Amino acid sequence: MFMTCLDSTAGGLHHATARTACGVIAGNRWDAYLSDTPQGQPINVGDDELLVRGEYYFIVPGQPSQLPTSSTKEASSSSVSIPDPYLYPIVPNFQQWSFPHGRLPEIWQEVEISKPGPVRSGAGGVFARDLSCRMTDYTESCDDAHLCPKTEEDWFVRNAMDLYTLDVNKVGSKGINNLNNLLMLRSDVHRTYDNKRFVFVPKRDNNQPASFVTHVLNPSQELFDLYHNCKLHEIKSAHEYLFARFAWAIFPMLSGFLERGKGRFLLTAKDQDARWFSIERTKKFGQPPSPSSTPKIRKAPRASTTAPEDDLDNGDPPSKRINKDRPSGLNKREDSSISEPCSMPIGPSPTTPPMSSTSTHLQPPASLRSEDPYPLPQTSFVRDLVYYKRLKTEHLERERARSDPEGLWEKELEWLDGMLEAGGAIDASELPRVGRLMGAEFPDEDI
């Protein structure tokens, strides 16, 4: 299984998140561990530290020496030897996975979920509880996003996920629409969430209790820059549904392994014990759901049809946005600490939501770096995009230093920072000045 590494400048990945993903695929084996070698000892890396090597082995202890097969037609003998501890049965997809009631991973149990108020059923319940997008803090163009997807209603019922509803009228198949399984998200963020581009996972910051942050799985420049490792706003949905969504987004990463032309030992929903599956049957488990399982078109957003200023799909590069913590042209993010939640500015200032500068960034390609003990995969398109953006920024800084010996540009940026910190309205006469600092260009005759 391949996971994109975005948690450090060396391409690191949060240890607890990686191990939890592997544990889900191994059938909820939280006692397993990562190792540097196929039969090695656990790595000496803390849960909140980063994995920086290119390859790790997931070791499941206590594996039997032999696993039975279901039919002699699918294997050449009645049993297949399993000589190595890392050869163990796996769950092939989300539909075959069983939810671990009452035994989530330790870090997931640590997160404190705010107790919801009185249950308000029907339309508007999520808005009354959350008030704004839990990821961006926008209040307009927001949707009620399902954590356990609506398309997985059969899985929801089979796994008795209605145990976590607060509404006694929302049980069985109706339970998938219960308030605890819903979260308010901006409409464009909701679409991206349903495309498995990111998940919400618990991470600790500076020995503080774990809190939910956005973890990008399938990155773009914008998702990575704006949201990776940013804390969510107050969450009142059940963390069991958040964990189900995490598993749902992780399983497609296994499809390449299942389609490599080999039979596999698999754990399925119909069998209590692992069974051997032929090459063709194993491949079928790795295929996406049928078109009949695709979600229906959503209704129009409840709050407003006005598109948000900061839309993930609008095509505007992040470098053209004003950010009081990261002014345009100085967007450098080097550490891997967790950012504070995004928030909407109050007042008439036409800025996008301010973001903390404490997030992650990637290094340039290994061939362009003088020292890199842990080179990133050469196929990482995100790495190249980030590198060339940084190269452009450094070039602009050098040119400004050469052409602006009095440092007027830096003084302008300091003025802009002070204005944004103070808040309030912008005088009309200052708008061209603000526009230039944002990257806009004005013909002289229009000023």
Protein backbone atom coordinates (compact mmCIF):
# COMPACT_ATOMS: atom_id res chain seq x y z
CA MET A 1 0.00 0.00 0.00
CA PHE A 2 1.30 3.44 -0.93
CA MET A 3 0.48 6.54 1.13
CA THR A 4 1.52 10.06 0.16
CA CYS A 5 4.00 11.56 2.64
CA LEU A 6 3.33 15.25 3.32
CA ASP A 7 4.07 15.67 7.02
CA SER A 8 7.64 16.98 6.79
CA THR A 9 10.15 18.56 4.42
CA ALA A 10 11.71 15.11 3.99
CA GLY A 11 8.38 13.60 2.95
CA GLY A 12 7.51 12.09 6.33
CA LEU A 13 4.21 10.47 7.32
CA HIS A 14 2.53 10.55 10.74
CA HIS A 15 3.31 7.18 12.36
CA ALA A 16 -0.02 6.61 14.14
CA THR A 17 -2.01 7.44 11.00
CA ALA A 18 0.01 5.01 8.85
CA ARG A 19 -0.16 2.20 11.42
CA THR A 20 -3.91 2.67 11.89
CA ALA A 21 -4.48 2.45 8.13
CA CYS A 22 -2.50 -0.80 7.98
CA GLY A 23 -4.34 -2.13 11.04
CA VAL A 24 -7.72 -1.55 9.39
CA ILE A 25 -6.68 -3.52 6.30
CA ALA A 26 -5.34 -6.35 8.47
CA GLY A 27 -8.74 -6.73 10.14
CA ASN A 28 -8.48 -4.19 12.97
CA ARG A 29 -5.14 -5.44 14.32
CA TRP A 30 -4.05 -2.62 16.61
CA ASP A 31 -1.43 -4.90 18.23
CA ALA A 32 0.58 -5.03 14.99
CA TYR A 33 3.57 -2.80 14.29
CA LEU A 34 5.81 -1.41 11.57
CA SER A 35 9.32 -2.71 11.04
CA ASP A 36 12.30 -1.94 8.83
CA THR A 37 12.62 -5.60 7.77
CA PRO A 38 10.16 -8.43 6.98
CA GLN A 39 10.79 -10.22 10.28
CA GLY A 40 12.23 -7.38 12.33
CA GLN A 41 11.42 -5.66 15.57
CA PRO A 42 9.14 -2.61 15.96
CA ILE A 43 10.67 0.61 14.72
CA ASN A 44 11.88 3.04 17.37
CA VAL A 45 9.49 5.82 16.32
CA GLY A 46 6.85 7.34 18.60
CA ASP A 47 3.20 7.49 17.60
CA ASP A 48 3.43 11.22 16.98
CA GLU A 49 6.77 11.09 15.19
CA LEU A 50 7.20 10.76 11.44
CA LEU A 51 8.10 7.86 9.17
CA VAL A 52 10.82 9.09 6.83
CA ARG A 53 12.08 5.91 5.19
CA GLY A 54 10.70 4.87 1.83
CA GLU A 55 9.43 1.41 2.81
CA TYR A 56 8.15 -0.33 5.94
CA TYR A 57 6.78 -3.79 6.75
CA PHE A 58 3.58 -4.20 8.76
CA ILE A 59 4.05 -7.12 11.15
CA VAL A 60 1.04 -8.90 12.65
CA PRO A 61 2.14 -11.02 15.63
CA GLY A 62 0.77 -14.44 16.48
CA GLN A 63 0.09 -15.62 12.94
CA PRO A 64 -0.53 -19.37 12.55
CA SER A 65 1.97 -21.37 10.53
CA GLN A 66 -0.82 -22.48 8.18
CA LEU A 67 -4.10 -20.98 7.02
CA PRO A 68 -6.86 -23.26 5.70
CA THR A 69 -8.28 -22.90 2.22
CA SER A 70 -11.97 -23.07 1.38
CA SER A 71 -11.69 -25.37 -1.62
CA THR A 72 -9.12 -27.58 -3.31
CA LYS A 73 -10.19 -25.96 -6.58
CA GLU A 74 -8.71 -22.65 -5.43
CA ALA A 75 -5.43 -23.99 -4.08
CA SER A 76 -3.24 -26.95 -4.76
CA SER A 77 -3.52 -28.26 -1.20
CA SER A 78 -5.86 -28.04 1.77
CA SER A 79 -3.58 -25.53 3.46
CA VAL A 80 -0.97 -23.00 2.49
CA SER A 81 2.11 -22.43 4.60
CA ILE A 82 2.61 -18.96 6.04
CA PRO A 83 6.29 -18.97 7.06
CA ASP A 84 6.68 -15.24 7.67
CA PRO A 85 4.87 -13.06 10.23
CA TYR A 86 4.11 -10.37 7.67
CA LEU A 87 2.13 -12.80 5.45
CA TYR A 88 -1.33 -12.56 6.97
CA PRO A 89 -4.93 -12.34 5.73
CA ILE A 90 -6.30 -8.92 4.85
CA VAL A 91 -9.69 -7.33 4.31
CA PRO A 92 -9.99 -6.57 0.58
CA ASN A 93 -12.39 -3.60 0.62
CA PHE A 94 -14.67 -1.51 2.77
CA GLN A 95 -17.76 -3.63 2.07
CA GLN A 96 -16.03 -6.69 3.59
CA TRP A 97 -14.68 -4.82 6.62
CA SER A 98 -16.24 -5.22 10.09
CA PHE A 99 -16.43 -2.16 12.31
CA PRO A 100 -14.48 -2.59 15.61
CA HIS A 101 -17.24 -1.67 18.08
CA GLY A 102 -15.81 -0.62 21.43
CA ARG A 103 -12.17 -1.02 20.44
CA LEU A 104 -11.01 1.85 18.28
CA PRO A 105 -7.26 2.59 18.21
CA GLU A 106 -6.00 4.34 21.35
CA ILE A 107 -5.39 7.72 19.72
CA TRP A 108 -8.95 7.75 18.34
CA GLN A 109 -10.37 7.09 21.80
CA GLU A 110 -8.31 9.95 23.21
CA VAL A 111 -10.04 12.67 21.18
CA GLU A 112 -12.65 14.59 23.15
CA ILE A 113 -15.91 15.02 21.27
CA SER A 114 -18.14 17.89 22.38
CA LYS A 115 -21.47 16.71 23.76
CA PRO A 116 -24.28 17.74 21.43
CA GLY A 117 -27.27 19.66 22.68
CA PRO A 118 -30.90 18.61 22.25
CA VAL A 119 -31.44 16.63 19.06
CA ARG A 120 -33.18 18.61 16.33
CA SER A 121 -34.46 16.23 13.71
CA GLY A 122 -35.36 17.19 10.18
CA ALA A 123 -33.97 19.89 7.90
CA GLY A 124 -31.64 22.40 9.51
CA GLY A 125 -30.46 20.14 12.34
CA VAL A 126 -26.83 20.10 11.22
CA PHE A 127 -26.78 23.85 10.61
CA ALA A 128 -28.27 24.53 14.06
CA ARG A 129 -25.57 22.39 15.67
CA ASP A 130 -22.44 23.23 13.64
CA LEU A 131 -23.29 26.79 12.45
CA SER A 132 -20.47 26.76 9.88
CA CYS A 133 -18.22 24.46 7.84
CA ARG A 134 -16.16 22.50 10.36
CA MET A 135 -13.11 22.67 8.12
CA THR A 136 -13.13 26.23 6.73
CA ASP A 137 -15.59 28.08 9.04
CA TYR A 138 -17.60 29.39 6.08
CA THR A 139 -21.33 29.76 6.68
CA GLU A 140 -22.54 30.09 3.08
CA SER A 141 -22.84 27.38 0.42
CA CYS A 142 -22.60 24.58 2.98
CA ASP A 143 -23.91 21.00 2.81
CA ASP A 144 -24.82 18.28 5.27
CA ALA A 145 -21.98 15.82 4.59
CA HIS A 146 -22.38 12.15 5.51
CA LEU A 147 -19.42 10.66 7.36
CA CYS A 148 -20.34 7.05 6.64
CA PRO A 149 -21.37 7.59 2.99
CA LYS A 150 -24.99 7.17 1.96
CA THR A 151 -23.87 4.74 -0.72
CA GLU A 152 -22.77 2.34 2.06
CA GLU A 153 -26.24 1.90 3.58
CA ASP A 154 -26.02 -1.92 3.41
CA TRP A 155 -22.70 -1.88 5.23
CA PHE A 156 -24.13 0.57 7.79
CA VAL A 157 -27.06 -1.74 8.62
CA ARG A 158 -25.00 -4.93 8.61
CA ASN A 159 -22.50 -3.44 11.06
CA ALA A 160 -25.19 -2.02 13.39
CA MET A 161 -23.83 1.51 13.04
CA ASP A 162 -27.13 2.91 14.31
CA LEU A 163 -25.75 2.20 17.80
CA TYR A 164 -24.23 5.68 17.68
CA THR A 165 -27.36 7.65 16.79
CA LEU A 166 -28.99 10.02 19.27
CA ASP A 167 -32.39 9.87 17.58
CA VAL A 168 -34.45 6.77 18.39
CA ASN A 169 -36.38 7.34 15.18
CA LYS A 170 -33.20 7.05 13.10
CA VAL A 171 -32.33 3.36 13.35
CA GLY A 172 -31.70 0.64 10.80
CA SER A 173 -31.36 2.01 7.28
CA LYS A 174 -32.70 5.39 8.46
CA GLY A 175 -29.76 5.65 10.84
CA ILE A 176 -27.37 6.67 8.10
CA ASN A 177 -29.11 10.08 8.10
CA ASN A 178 -28.85 10.55 11.85
CA LEU A 179 -27.28 13.77 13.12
CA ASN A 180 -24.20 12.04 14.54
CA ASN A 181 -23.31 10.82 11.04
CA LEU A 182 -23.52 14.31 9.53
CA LEU A 183 -21.05 17.17 9.45
CA MET A 184 -21.40 20.63 7.97
CA LEU A 185 -18.93 21.22 5.12
CA ARG A 186 -18.67 23.88 2.45
CA SER A 187 -20.10 22.48 -0.78
CA ASP A 188 -16.83 22.38 -2.75
CA VAL A 189 -15.00 20.87 0.25
CA HIS A 190 -17.82 18.31 0.52
CA ARG A 191 -17.29 17.21 -3.09
CA THR A 192 -13.57 16.87 -2.52
CA TYR A 193 -14.19 14.91 0.70
CA ASP A 194 -16.45 12.47 -1.17
CA ASN A 195 -13.69 11.99 -3.75
CA LYS A 196 -11.43 10.61 -0.97
CA ARG A 197 -8.94 13.45 -1.35
CA PHE A 198 -8.58 13.92 2.42
CA VAL A 199 -9.75 12.51 5.75
CA PHE A 200 -10.05 13.71 9.33
CA VAL A 201 -7.67 11.95 11.74
CA PRO A 202 -6.48 12.54 15.31
CA LYS A 203 -2.98 13.93 15.85
CA ARG A 204 -1.22 15.32 18.89
CA ASP A 205 0.67 18.61 18.92
CA ASN A 206 3.40 19.36 21.48
CA ASN A 207 2.26 16.62 23.88
CA GLN A 208 -1.27 18.02 23.94
CA PRO A 209 -4.31 15.68 23.79
CA ALA A 210 -5.13 14.50 20.29
CA SER A 211 -7.49 16.58 18.16
CA PHE A 212 -8.94 16.05 14.71
CA VAL A 213 -7.03 17.57 11.80
CA THR A 214 -7.33 17.41 8.03
CA HIS A 215 -4.97 14.83 6.54
CA VAL A 216 -4.58 15.05 2.77
CA LEU A 217 -4.44 11.68 0.99
CA ASN A 218 -4.55 12.63 -2.69
CA PRO A 219 -2.97 16.07 -2.77
CA SER A 220 -3.18 19.08 -4.96
CA GLN A 221 -1.19 22.25 -4.46
CA GLU A 222 -4.22 24.02 -3.00
CA LEU A 223 -5.37 21.29 -0.62
CA PHE A 224 -1.85 20.86 0.68
CA ASP A 225 -1.14 24.56 1.15
CA LEU A 226 -4.44 25.47 2.78
CA TYR A 227 -5.64 22.52 4.84
CA HIS A 228 -3.10 19.77 5.53
CA ASN A 229 -2.64 19.31 9.31
CA CYS A 230 -5.09 22.12 10.13
CA LYS A 231 -7.31 21.51 13.16
CA LEU A 232 -11.04 21.23 12.65
CA HIS A 233 -13.48 23.47 14.42
CA GLU A 234 -15.52 22.00 17.25
CA ILE A 235 -16.82 18.55 16.31
CA LYS A 236 -20.05 17.14 17.73
CA SER A 237 -20.42 14.18 15.37
CA ALA A 238 -19.61 10.69 16.62
CA HIS A 239 -15.96 9.75 16.19
CA GLU A 240 -17.06 6.19 15.29
CA TYR A 241 -18.49 7.57 12.05
CA LEU A 242 -15.33 9.58 11.43
CA PHE A 243 -13.36 6.34 11.81
CA ALA A 244 -15.67 4.56 9.37
CA ARG A 245 -15.04 7.35 6.84
CA PHE A 246 -11.28 7.01 7.37
CA ALA A 247 -11.47 3.29 6.56
CA TRP A 248 -13.71 3.95 3.55
CA ALA A 249 -11.10 6.34 2.10
CA ILE A 250 -8.15 4.04 2.84
CA PHE A 251 -9.32 0.78 1.21
CA PRO A 252 -9.02 1.95 -2.44
CA MET A 253 -5.26 2.23 -1.85
CA LEU A 254 -5.24 -1.58 -1.71
CA SER A 255 -6.57 -2.13 -5.24
CA GLY A 256 -3.11 -2.30 -6.85
CA PHE A 257 -2.04 -5.05 -4.43
CA LEU A 258 -5.18 -7.09 -5.16
CA GLU A 259 -4.76 -6.81 -8.95
CA ARG A 260 -1.17 -8.08 -9.18
CA GLY A 261 -2.15 -11.50 -10.50
CA LYS A 262 -1.84 -13.53 -7.30
CA GLY A 263 -4.30 -15.41 -5.12
CA ARG A 264 -4.65 -14.01 -1.60
CA PHE A 265 -5.82 -14.96 1.86
CA LEU A 266 -8.72 -12.65 2.56
CA LEU A 267 -11.06 -11.82 5.43
CA THR A 268 -14.62 -11.30 4.17
CA ALA A 269 -17.92 -10.37 5.78
CA LYS A 270 -19.41 -13.83 5.10
CA ASP A 271 -16.61 -15.85 6.70
CA GLN A 272 -15.34 -15.79 10.27
CA ASP A 273 -11.97 -17.22 9.22
CA ALA A 274 -9.62 -16.28 6.40
CA ARG A 275 -10.10 -18.00 3.05
CA TRP A 276 -7.90 -18.46 0.03
CA PHE A 277 -9.21 -16.72 -3.08
CA SER A 278 -8.10 -17.34 -6.65
CA ILE A 279 -6.44 -14.72 -8.83
CA GLU A 280 -9.66 -13.74 -10.61
CA ARG A 281 -11.74 -13.55 -7.45
CA THR A 282 -9.04 -11.53 -5.72
CA LYS A 283 -8.97 -9.05 -8.60
CA LYS A 284 -12.72 -8.53 -8.36
CA PHE A 285 -12.37 -7.38 -4.76
CA GLY A 286 -10.03 -4.63 -5.92
CA GLN A 287 -12.44 -3.23 -8.51
CA PRO A 288 -14.51 -0.12 -7.69
CA PRO A 289 -18.22 -0.47 -6.84
CA SER A 290 -20.70 -0.77 -9.68
CA PRO A 291 -22.21 2.42 -11.16
CA SER A 292 -25.47 1.70 -9.31
CA SER A 293 -23.62 2.48 -6.09
CA THR A 294 -22.62 5.99 -7.12
CA PRO A 295 -24.21 8.83 -5.11
CA LYS A 296 -27.20 10.74 -6.41
CA ILE A 297 -27.07 14.44 -7.26
CA ARG A 298 -27.41 16.53 -4.12
CA LYS A 299 -30.01 19.17 -3.53
CA ALA A 300 -28.99 22.81 -3.74
CA PRO A 301 -27.12 24.12 -0.67
CA ARG A 302 -29.47 25.25 2.08
CA ALA A 303 -27.72 28.38 3.32
CA SER A 304 -26.98 30.21 0.07
CA THR A 305 -26.25 29.67 -3.60
CA THR A 306 -23.48 32.25 -3.56
CA ALA A 307 -20.16 30.65 -4.37
CA PRO A 308 -17.53 31.09 -1.63
CA GLU A 309 -14.57 33.32 -2.36
CA ASP A 310 -12.12 30.50 -1.72
CA ASP A 311 -13.36 27.65 -3.92
CA LEU A 312 -11.20 24.60 -4.39
CA ASP A 313 -12.41 24.27 -7.97
CA ASN A 314 -12.18 27.87 -9.14
CA GLY A 315 -8.69 27.49 -10.57
CA ASP A 316 -7.16 30.49 -8.81
CA PRO A 317 -3.62 29.75 -7.66
CA PRO A 318 -3.07 30.07 -3.89
CA SER A 319 -0.27 32.57 -4.50
CA LYS A 320 -2.85 35.22 -5.49
CA ARG A 321 -4.63 35.13 -2.14
CA ILE A 322 -3.92 37.45 0.76
CA ASN A 323 -3.07 35.72 4.02
CA LYS A 324 -2.19 37.76 7.08
CA ASP A 325 0.17 35.03 8.33
CA ARG A 326 1.69 34.33 4.93
CA PRO A 327 1.71 37.43 2.65
CA SER A 328 1.77 36.77 -1.08
CA GLY A 329 5.32 36.14 -2.23
CA LEU A 330 6.47 34.96 1.20
CA ASN A 331 4.56 31.68 1.52
CA LYS A 332 7.20 29.52 3.18
CA ARG A 333 6.11 26.65 5.42
CA GLU A 334 8.88 24.48 6.77
CA ASP A 335 7.79 22.67 9.95
CA SER A 336 5.31 19.84 10.54
CA SER A 337 3.36 21.16 13.53
CA ILE A 338 -0.42 21.32 13.51
CA SER A 339 -2.12 24.53 12.42
CA GLU A 340 -4.96 26.23 14.21
CA PRO A 341 -8.42 25.99 12.61
CA CYS A 342 -9.29 28.10 9.60
CA SER A 343 -11.54 31.03 10.44
CA MET A 344 -13.64 33.56 8.54
CA PRO A 345 -12.55 37.21 8.92
CA ILE A 346 -15.13 39.51 10.51
CA GLY A 347 -15.57 42.82 8.78
CA PRO A 348 -15.49 44.16 5.24
CA SER A 349 -11.88 43.23 4.50
CA PRO A 350 -11.96 41.24 1.20
CA THR A 351 -9.53 38.55 2.33
CA THR A 352 -9.78 34.80 2.28
CA PRO A 353 -9.76 32.90 5.61
CA PRO A 354 -6.43 33.45 7.39
CA MET A 355 -4.30 30.36 7.79
CA SER A 356 -1.49 29.65 10.18
CA SER A 357 1.98 29.45 8.74
CA THR A 358 2.74 26.37 10.81
CA SER A 359 2.07 23.59 8.33
CA THR A 360 4.08 21.34 6.06
CA HIS A 361 5.93 21.66 2.80
CA LEU A 362 7.86 19.39 0.48
CA GLN A 363 11.42 19.66 -0.74
CA PRO A 364 12.46 19.90 -4.43
CA PRO A 365 13.30 16.74 -6.40
CA ALA A 366 16.22 14.72 -5.06
CA SER A 367 18.22 15.41 -8.20
CA LEU A 368 18.04 19.16 -7.46
CA ARG A 369 19.01 18.98 -3.78
CA SER A 370 22.57 18.86 -2.53
CA GLU A 371 21.81 16.91 0.65
CA ASP A 372 18.79 14.65 1.08
CA PRO A 373 19.14 11.51 3.24
CA TYR A 374 15.55 10.50 2.46
CA PRO A 375 14.78 11.31 -1.20
CA LEU A 376 11.11 11.55 -2.15
CA PRO A 377 9.58 9.30 -4.85
CA GLN A 378 10.48 10.63 -8.27
CA THR A 379 6.83 10.32 -9.36
CA SER A 380 5.54 12.89 -6.86
CA PHE A 381 3.94 15.65 -8.95
CA VAL A 382 3.16 17.64 -5.80
CA ARG A 383 6.85 17.75 -4.94
CA ASP A 384 7.69 19.29 -8.31
CA LEU A 385 4.88 21.85 -8.14
CA VAL A 386 5.96 22.96 -4.68
CA TYR A 387 9.60 23.16 -5.72
CA TYR A 388 8.98 25.38 -8.75
CA LYS A 389 6.65 27.62 -6.77
CA ARG A 390 9.38 28.04 -4.16
CA LEU A 391 11.97 28.64 -6.89
CA LYS A 392 9.78 31.42 -8.32
CA THR A 393 9.36 32.99 -4.89
CA GLU A 394 13.11 32.93 -4.17
CA HIS A 395 13.82 34.48 -7.59
CA LEU A 396 11.34 37.29 -6.91
CA GLU A 397 12.93 37.95 -3.51
CA ARG A 398 16.40 38.20 -5.07
CA GLU A 399 15.16 40.58 -7.77
CA ARG A 400 13.38 42.74 -5.20
CA ALA A 401 16.51 42.95 -3.08
CA ARG A 402 18.48 44.07 -6.17
CA SER A 403 15.93 46.55 -7.51
CA ASP A 404 14.67 47.82 -4.14
CA PRO A 405 17.75 48.64 -2.03
CA GLU A 406 15.68 50.83 0.31
CA GLY A 407 13.42 47.88 1.25
CA LEU A 408 10.17 49.60 0.26
CA TRP A 409 8.51 46.28 -0.61
CA GLU A 410 9.19 44.86 2.85
CA LYS A 411 7.80 48.03 4.40
CA GLU A 412 4.66 47.67 2.28
CA LEU A 413 4.20 44.08 3.49
CA GLU A 414 4.63 45.20 7.09
CA TRP A 415 1.98 47.85 6.52
CA LEU A 416 -0.38 45.26 5.07
CA ASP A 417 0.20 42.88 8.02
CA GLY A 418 -0.54 45.68 10.47
CA MET A 419 -3.72 46.64 8.64
CA LEU A 420 -4.99 43.04 8.59
CA GLU A 421 -4.16 42.55 12.25
CA ALA A 422 -6.06 45.71 13.20
CA GLY A 423 -9.11 44.74 11.12
CA GLY A 424 -11.76 47.23 10.11
CA ALA A 425 -12.68 48.82 6.81
CA ILE A 426 -10.21 49.74 4.08
CA ASP A 427 -10.23 53.30 2.83
CA ALA A 428 -11.10 53.53 -0.85
CA SER A 429 -7.89 55.42 -1.56
CA GLU A 430 -5.87 52.46 -0.25
CA LEU A 431 -7.53 49.82 -2.45
CA PRO A 432 -5.01 50.10 -5.34
CA ARG A 433 -2.19 49.78 -2.81
CA VAL A 434 -3.76 46.64 -1.32
CA GLY A 435 -4.45 45.27 -4.80
CA ARG A 436 -0.81 45.59 -5.87
CA LEU A 437 0.33 43.74 -2.74
CA MET A 438 -2.15 41.00 -3.63
CA GLY A 439 -0.62 40.68 -7.09
CA ALA A 440 -3.09 42.76 -9.09
CA GLU A 441 -1.99 45.10 -11.86
CA PHE A 442 -3.64 48.47 -12.66
CA PRO A 443 -3.12 50.65 -15.75
CA ASP A 444 -1.93 54.08 -14.66
CA GLU A 445 -4.89 55.83 -16.27
CA ASP A 446 -7.38 53.76 -14.23
CA ILE A 447 -5.98 54.80 -10.86
